[in-house]
Amino acid sequence: MTVEIYKYELHDKGAFDVNPYITYQAPGSSKWIKTSHEGTIHAGQSEIVDPKGLGVPVGSTMKLIVHVNAQHDHKASEEFLYVDTSEQQANYKITGTALKAHLNYEGTS
């Protein structure tokens, strides 16, 4: 069963700025849709990535995508079910350099 969450928290521990996105499948759809980005998270900062604010429909299956400036996107392999009444968030940390970044899932809380 897919874990239900209501938001992501991303910790930027790398030496670069990032732009978080969400890719999702709306209920009953097989098409993955990529949202616009949530804003820029600067090196050393942590931010909430809010599915509701990015237009993700409740009940969607979703994954976090993090774009490292001057590099490519890093897509999380974990899928979550967006439920706005859930009390869980998925926690991620991105580390490394702009040339070699690593996105790590750190569980839910």
C-alpha atoms as a PDB file:
ATOM      1  CA  MET A   1       0.000   0.000   0.000  1.00  0.00           C
ATOM      2  CA  THR A   2       1.243   3.481  -0.867  1.00  0.00           C
ATOM      3  CA  VAL A   3       2.016   5.748   2.091  1.00  0.00           C
ATOM      4  CA  GLU A   4      -0.288   8.760   2.441  1.00  0.00           C
ATOM      5  CA  ILE A   5       1.350  12.164   2.962  1.00  0.00           C
ATOM      6  CA  TYR A   6       0.253  15.796   2.839  1.00  0.00           C
ATOM      7  CA  LYS A   7       3.597  17.475   2.105  1.00  0.00           C
ATOM      8  CA  TYR A   8       7.318  17.061   1.484  1.00  0.00           C
ATOM      9  CA  GLU A   9      10.163  18.638   3.423  1.00  0.00           C
ATOM     10  CA  LEU A  10      13.409  19.117   1.530  1.00  0.00           C
ATOM     11  CA  HIS A  11      16.722  19.879   3.236  1.00  0.00           C
ATOM     12  CA  ASP A  12      19.338  21.360   0.891  1.00  0.00           C
ATOM     13  CA  LYS A  13      22.654  20.273   2.403  1.00  0.00           C
ATOM     14  CA  GLY A  14      24.536  20.659  -0.873  1.00  0.00           C
ATOM     15  CA  ALA A  15      26.701  23.445  -2.227  1.00  0.00           C
ATOM     16  CA  PHE A  16      24.008  24.620  -4.687  1.00  0.00           C
ATOM     17  CA  ASP A  17      20.486  26.000  -5.022  1.00  0.00           C
ATOM     18  CA  VAL A  18      17.587  23.750  -6.075  1.00  0.00           C
ATOM     19  CA  ASN A  19      14.076  24.029  -7.473  1.00  0.00           C
ATOM     20  CA  PRO A  20      11.598  21.377  -6.261  1.00  0.00           C
ATOM     21  CA  TYR A  21       8.752  20.062  -8.422  1.00  0.00           C
ATOM     22  CA  ILE A  22       6.215  17.287  -8.070  1.00  0.00           C
ATOM     23  CA  THR A  23       5.255  14.807 -10.750  1.00  0.00           C
ATOM     24  CA  TYR A  24       1.878  13.156 -10.226  1.00  0.00           C
ATOM     25  CA  GLN A  25      -0.779  10.872 -11.645  1.00  0.00           C
ATOM     26  CA  ALA A  26      -4.293  12.116 -10.957  1.00  0.00           C
ATOM     27  CA  PRO A  27      -6.798   9.517  -9.732  1.00  0.00           C
ATOM     28  CA  GLY A  28      -7.857   7.290 -12.636  1.00  0.00           C
ATOM     29  CA  SER A  29      -5.115   8.572 -14.957  1.00  0.00           C
ATOM     30  CA  SER A  30      -1.984   6.826 -16.225  1.00  0.00           C
ATOM     31  CA  LYS A  31      -0.324  10.075 -17.392  1.00  0.00           C
ATOM     32  CA  TRP A  32       2.420  11.652 -15.246  1.00  0.00           C
ATOM     33  CA  ILE A  33       2.159  15.458 -14.997  1.00  0.00           C
ATOM     34  CA  LYS A  34       5.006  17.718 -13.815  1.00  0.00           C
ATOM     35  CA  THR A  35       4.043  20.785 -11.788  1.00  0.00           C
ATOM     36  CA  SER A  36       5.694  24.181 -11.964  1.00  0.00           C
ATOM     37  CA  HIS A  37       8.442  24.620  -9.390  1.00  0.00           C
ATOM     38  CA  GLU A  38       7.818  25.627  -5.789  1.00  0.00           C
ATOM     39  CA  GLY A  39      10.554  28.283  -5.704  1.00  0.00           C
ATOM     40  CA  THR A  40      14.270  28.221  -5.041  1.00  0.00           C
ATOM     41  CA  ILE A  41      15.722  26.537  -1.978  1.00  0.00           C
ATOM     42  CA  HIS A  42      19.148  27.916  -1.223  1.00  0.00           C
ATOM     43  CA  ALA A  43      22.117  25.892   0.023  1.00  0.00           C
ATOM     44  CA  GLY A  44      21.773  25.177   3.737  1.00  0.00           C
ATOM     45  CA  GLN A  45      18.014  25.819   3.862  1.00  0.00           C
ATOM     46  CA  SER A  46      15.026  23.561   4.415  1.00  0.00           C
ATOM     47  CA  GLU A  47      11.627  24.196   2.869  1.00  0.00           C
ATOM     48  CA  ILE A  48       8.183  22.630   2.666  1.00  0.00           C
ATOM     49  CA  VAL A  49       7.012  21.525  -0.790  1.00  0.00           C
ATOM     50  CA  ASP A  50       3.205  21.771  -0.731  1.00  0.00           C
ATOM     51  CA  PRO A  51       1.298  19.598  -3.241  1.00  0.00           C
ATOM     52  CA  LYS A  52      -1.877  21.644  -2.767  1.00  0.00           C
ATOM     53  CA  GLY A  53      -0.065  24.876  -3.619  1.00  0.00           C
ATOM     54  CA  LEU A  54       1.274  23.258  -6.796  1.00  0.00           C
ATOM     55  CA  GLY A  55      -2.183  22.138  -7.930  1.00  0.00           C
ATOM     56  CA  VAL A  56      -1.833  18.408  -7.237  1.00  0.00           C
ATOM     57  CA  PRO A  57      -5.316  16.868  -6.949  1.00  0.00           C
ATOM     58  CA  VAL A  58      -6.131  15.022  -3.720  1.00  0.00           C
ATOM     59  CA  GLY A  59      -5.800  11.269  -4.249  1.00  0.00           C
ATOM     60  CA  SER A  60      -2.932  11.594  -6.748  1.00  0.00           C
ATOM     61  CA  THR A  61       0.112   9.344  -6.728  1.00  0.00           C
ATOM     62  CA  MET A  62       3.154  11.605  -6.643  1.00  0.00           C
ATOM     63  CA  LYS A  63       6.957  11.784  -6.603  1.00  0.00           C
ATOM     64  CA  LEU A  64       9.336  14.602  -5.685  1.00  0.00           C
ATOM     65  CA  ILE A  65      11.654  15.990  -8.377  1.00  0.00           C
ATOM     66  CA  VAL A  66      14.548  18.279  -7.473  1.00  0.00           C
ATOM     67  CA  HIS A  67      16.278  20.340 -10.148  1.00  0.00           C
ATOM     68  CA  VAL A  68      19.845  21.216  -9.232  1.00  0.00           C
ATOM     69  CA  ASN A  69      20.784  24.498 -10.885  1.00  0.00           C
ATOM     70  CA  ALA A  70      23.523  23.880 -13.487  1.00  0.00           C
ATOM     71  CA  GLN A  71      22.671  20.172 -13.532  1.00  0.00           C
ATOM     72  CA  HIS A  72      19.787  17.831 -14.314  1.00  0.00           C
ATOM     73  CA  ASP A  73      16.699  16.748 -12.377  1.00  0.00           C
ATOM     74  CA  HIS A  74      16.863  14.190  -9.580  1.00  0.00           C
ATOM     75  CA  LYS A  75      13.625  12.196  -9.311  1.00  0.00           C
ATOM     76  CA  ALA A  76      12.788  10.390  -6.097  1.00  0.00           C
ATOM     77  CA  SER A  77      11.974   6.718  -6.586  1.00  0.00           C
ATOM     78  CA  GLU A  78       9.401   6.660  -3.766  1.00  0.00           C
ATOM     79  CA  GLU A  79       5.734   7.153  -4.639  1.00  0.00           C
ATOM     80  CA  PHE A  80       3.252   8.637  -2.175  1.00  0.00           C
ATOM     81  CA  LEU A  81      -0.481   9.171  -2.173  1.00  0.00           C
ATOM     82  CA  TYR A  82      -1.483  12.812  -1.664  1.00  0.00           C
ATOM     83  CA  VAL A  83      -4.119  13.010   1.066  1.00  0.00           C
ATOM     84  CA  ASP A  84      -4.666  16.511   2.441  1.00  0.00           C
ATOM     85  CA  THR A  85      -5.939  15.162   5.782  1.00  0.00           C
ATOM     86  CA  SER A  86      -2.850  12.988   6.357  1.00  0.00           C
ATOM     87  CA  GLU A  87      -0.559  13.954   9.223  1.00  0.00           C
ATOM     88  CA  GLN A  88       2.589  12.529   7.618  1.00  0.00           C
ATOM     89  CA  GLN A  89       5.220  14.279   5.541  1.00  0.00           C
ATOM     90  CA  ALA A  90       7.972  12.733   3.435  1.00  0.00           C
ATOM     91  CA  ASN A  91      11.473  13.965   4.280  1.00  0.00           C
ATOM     92  CA  TYR A  92      14.302  14.293   1.766  1.00  0.00           C
ATOM     93  CA  LYS A  93      17.849  15.614   1.844  1.00  0.00           C
ATOM     94  CA  ILE A  94      19.933  16.615  -1.156  1.00  0.00           C
ATOM     95  CA  THR A  95      23.711  16.669  -0.747  1.00  0.00           C
ATOM     96  CA  GLY A  96      26.896  16.939  -2.770  1.00  0.00           C
ATOM     97  CA  THR A  97      28.070  19.468  -5.307  1.00  0.00           C
ATOM     98  CA  ALA A  98      26.421  20.966  -8.368  1.00  0.00           C
ATOM     99  CA  LEU A  99      28.322  18.410 -10.466  1.00  0.00           C
ATOM    100  CA  LYS A 100      27.463  15.377  -8.332  1.00  0.00           C
ATOM    101  CA  ALA A 101      24.314  15.704  -6.240  1.00  0.00           C
ATOM    102  CA  HIS A 102      22.455  12.946  -4.349  1.00  0.00           C
ATOM    103  CA  LEU A 103      18.765  12.978  -3.366  1.00  0.00           C
ATOM    104  CA  ASN A 104      18.123  10.835  -0.281  1.00  0.00           C
ATOM    105  CA  TYR A 105      14.781   9.754   1.206  1.00  0.00           C
ATOM    106  CA  GLU A 106      14.861  10.017   4.998  1.00  0.00           C
ATOM    107  CA  GLY A 107      11.485   8.550   5.880  1.00  0.00           C
ATOM    108  CA  THR A 108       8.184  10.026   6.980  1.00  0.00           C
ATOM    109  CA  SER A 109       7.316  11.917  10.133  1.00  0.00           C
END
